[in-house]
C-alpha atoms as a PDB file:
ATOM      1  CA  UNK A   1       0.000   0.000   0.000  1.00  0.00           C
ATOM      2  CA  UNK A   2       0.969   3.636  -0.309  1.00  0.00           C
ATOM      3  CA  UNK A   3       3.453   4.792   2.336  1.00  0.00           C
ATOM      4  CA  UNK A   4       1.325   5.815   5.357  1.00  0.00           C
ATOM      5  CA  UNK A   5       3.900   8.453   6.337  1.00  0.00           C
ATOM      6  CA  UNK A   6       2.962  10.452   3.233  1.00  0.00           C
ATOM      7  CA  UNK A   7      -0.646  11.034   4.346  1.00  0.00           C
ATOM      8  CA  UNK A   8      -2.165  12.298   7.612  1.00  0.00           C
ATOM      9  CA  UNK A   9      -4.593   9.370   7.949  1.00  0.00           C
ATOM     10  CA  UNK A  10      -4.521   5.575   7.962  1.00  0.00           C
ATOM     11  CA  UNK A  11      -6.686   3.164   6.005  1.00  0.00           C
ATOM     12  CA  UNK A  12      -8.956   1.025   8.188  1.00  0.00           C
ATOM     13  CA  UNK A  13     -10.506  -2.135   6.734  1.00  0.00           C
ATOM     14  CA  UNK A  14     -12.744  -4.431   8.767  1.00  0.00           C
ATOM     15  CA  UNK A  15     -15.017  -7.317   7.930  1.00  0.00           C
ATOM     16  CA  UNK A  16     -15.024 -11.022   7.163  1.00  0.00           C
ATOM     17  CA  UNK A  17     -14.064 -10.515   3.504  1.00  0.00           C
ATOM     18  CA  UNK A  18     -10.842  -8.658   4.285  1.00  0.00           C
ATOM     19  CA  UNK A  19      -8.708 -11.618   3.181  1.00  0.00           C
ATOM     20  CA  UNK A  20      -9.769 -10.903  -0.404  1.00  0.00           C
ATOM     21  CA  UNK A  21      -8.522  -7.295  -0.278  1.00  0.00           C
ATOM     22  CA  UNK A  22      -5.021  -7.493  -1.743  1.00  0.00           C
ATOM     23  CA  UNK A  23      -2.332  -4.851  -1.184  1.00  0.00           C
ATOM     24  CA  UNK A  24      -2.997  -3.674  -4.752  1.00  0.00           C
ATOM     25  CA  UNK A  25      -6.694  -3.179  -3.989  1.00  0.00           C
ATOM     26  CA  UNK A  26      -5.675  -1.385  -0.783  1.00  0.00           C
ATOM     27  CA  UNK A  27      -3.550   0.999  -2.852  1.00  0.00           C
ATOM     28  CA  UNK A  28      -6.506   1.682  -5.130  1.00  0.00           C
ATOM     29  CA  UNK A  29      -8.741   2.387  -2.123  1.00  0.00           C
ATOM     30  CA  UNK A  30      -6.171   4.858  -0.771  1.00  0.00           C
ATOM     31  CA  UNK A  31      -6.221   6.536  -4.171  1.00  0.00           C
ATOM     32  CA  UNK A  32     -10.035   6.790  -4.100  1.00  0.00           C
ATOM     33  CA  UNK A  33      -9.859   8.513  -0.708  1.00  0.00           C
ATOM     34  CA  UNK A  34      -7.096  10.829  -1.941  1.00  0.00           C
ATOM     35  CA  UNK A  35      -9.016  11.804  -5.082  1.00  0.00           C
ATOM     36  CA  UNK A  36     -12.387  12.057  -3.342  1.00  0.00           C
ATOM     37  CA  UNK A  37     -11.784  13.665   0.071  1.00  0.00           C
ATOM     38  CA  UNK A  38     -15.521  13.883   0.768  1.00  0.00           C
ATOM     39  CA  UNK A  39     -15.742  10.070   0.797  1.00  0.00           C
ATOM     40  CA  UNK A  40     -16.224   8.871   4.353  1.00  0.00           C
ATOM     41  CA  UNK A  41     -16.837   5.143   3.942  1.00  0.00           C
ATOM     42  CA  UNK A  42     -16.524   2.499   1.234  1.00  0.00           C
ATOM     43  CA  UNK A  43     -18.407  -0.798   1.533  1.00  0.00           C
ATOM     44  CA  UNK A  44     -17.153  -3.767  -0.495  1.00  0.00           C
ATOM     45  CA  UNK A  45     -19.225  -6.939  -0.841  1.00  0.00           C
ATOM     46  CA  UNK A  46     -17.137 -10.092  -1.286  1.00  0.00           C
ATOM     47  CA  UNK A  47     -17.863 -13.816  -1.508  1.00  0.00           C
ATOM     48  CA  UNK A  48     -16.635 -14.095   2.100  1.00  0.00           C
ATOM     49  CA  UNK A  49     -18.620 -11.160   3.501  1.00  0.00           C
ATOM     50  CA  UNK A  50     -18.593  -7.384   3.516  1.00  0.00           C
ATOM     51  CA  UNK A  51     -15.581  -5.164   4.114  1.00  0.00           C
ATOM     52  CA  UNK A  52     -15.945  -1.628   5.461  1.00  0.00           C
ATOM     53  CA  UNK A  53     -13.149   0.726   4.446  1.00  0.00           C
ATOM     54  CA  UNK A  54     -12.625   4.116   6.059  1.00  0.00           C
ATOM     55  CA  UNK A  55      -9.949   6.555   7.158  1.00  0.00           C
ATOM     56  CA  UNK A  56      -8.688   6.935  10.703  1.00  0.00           C
ATOM     57  CA  UNK A  57      -7.336  10.361  11.651  1.00  0.00           C
ATOM     58  CA  UNK A  58      -4.897  10.941  14.530  1.00  0.00           C
ATOM     59  CA  UNK A  59      -6.532  12.150  17.739  1.00  0.00           C
ATOM     60  CA  UNK A  60      -4.485  15.346  17.946  1.00  0.00           C
ATOM     61  CA  UNK A  61      -5.747  16.389  14.527  1.00  0.00           C
ATOM     62  CA  UNK A  62      -9.356  16.003  15.641  1.00  0.00           C
ATOM     63  CA  UNK A  63      -8.593  17.943  18.825  1.00  0.00           C
ATOM     64  CA  UNK A  64      -7.173  20.813  16.746  1.00  0.00           C
ATOM     65  CA  UNK A  65     -10.311  20.877  14.597  1.00  0.00           C
ATOM     66  CA  UNK A  66     -12.508  20.948  17.715  1.00  0.00           C
ATOM     67  CA  UNK A  67     -10.450  23.841  19.130  1.00  0.00           C
ATOM     68  CA  UNK A  68     -10.806  25.844  15.900  1.00  0.00           C
ATOM     69  CA  UNK A  69     -14.555  25.215  15.849  1.00  0.00           C
ATOM     70  CA  UNK A  70     -14.811  26.367  19.484  1.00  0.00           C
ATOM     71  CA  UNK A  71     -12.858  29.555  18.685  1.00  0.00           C
ATOM     72  CA  UNK A  72     -15.226  30.383  15.823  1.00  0.00           C
ATOM     73  CA  UNK A  73     -18.308  29.591  17.920  1.00  0.00           C
ATOM     74  CA  UNK A  74     -17.038  31.978  20.625  1.00  0.00           C
ATOM     75  CA  UNK A  75     -16.922  35.004  18.281  1.00  0.00           C
ATOM     76  CA  UNK A  76     -19.587  37.567  19.268  1.00  0.00           C
ATOM     77  CA  UNK A  77     -22.438  37.576  16.779  1.00  0.00           C
ATOM     78  CA  UNK A  78     -21.833  33.996  15.630  1.00  0.00           C
ATOM     79  CA  UNK A  79     -24.845  31.957  16.660  1.00  0.00           C
ATOM     80  CA  UNK A  80     -23.880  28.567  15.344  1.00  0.00           C
ATOM     81  CA  UNK A  81     -21.477  26.844  13.011  1.00  0.00           C
ATOM     82  CA  UNK A  82     -22.417  23.564  11.370  1.00  0.00           C
ATOM     83  CA  UNK A  83     -19.745  21.421   9.751  1.00  0.00           C
ATOM     84  CA  UNK A  84     -21.225  19.162   7.093  1.00  0.00           C
ATOM     85  CA  UNK A  85     -19.538  15.881   6.383  1.00  0.00           C
ATOM     86  CA  UNK A  86     -20.339  13.544   3.550  1.00  0.00           C
ATOM     87  CA  UNK A  87     -22.315  10.556   4.517  1.00  0.00           C
END
């Protein structure tokens, strides 16, 4: 698969059909996530069961996002901020 050090997230694959997901398919899934950043989850149906594929972000990155959101929410006159995620 693509070198994980070159991206800020890790690929997470779970499910009974995971044995059928080759490293080459894993590379292609990484590419899909890279080219389509709004993609949150990919479901793959295999002969051995489904595989759920998603990205895992480091905790400190999520904490930084939460802190930025809190700073914006605290600005006088701002009533609410909604962050939309694909889903």
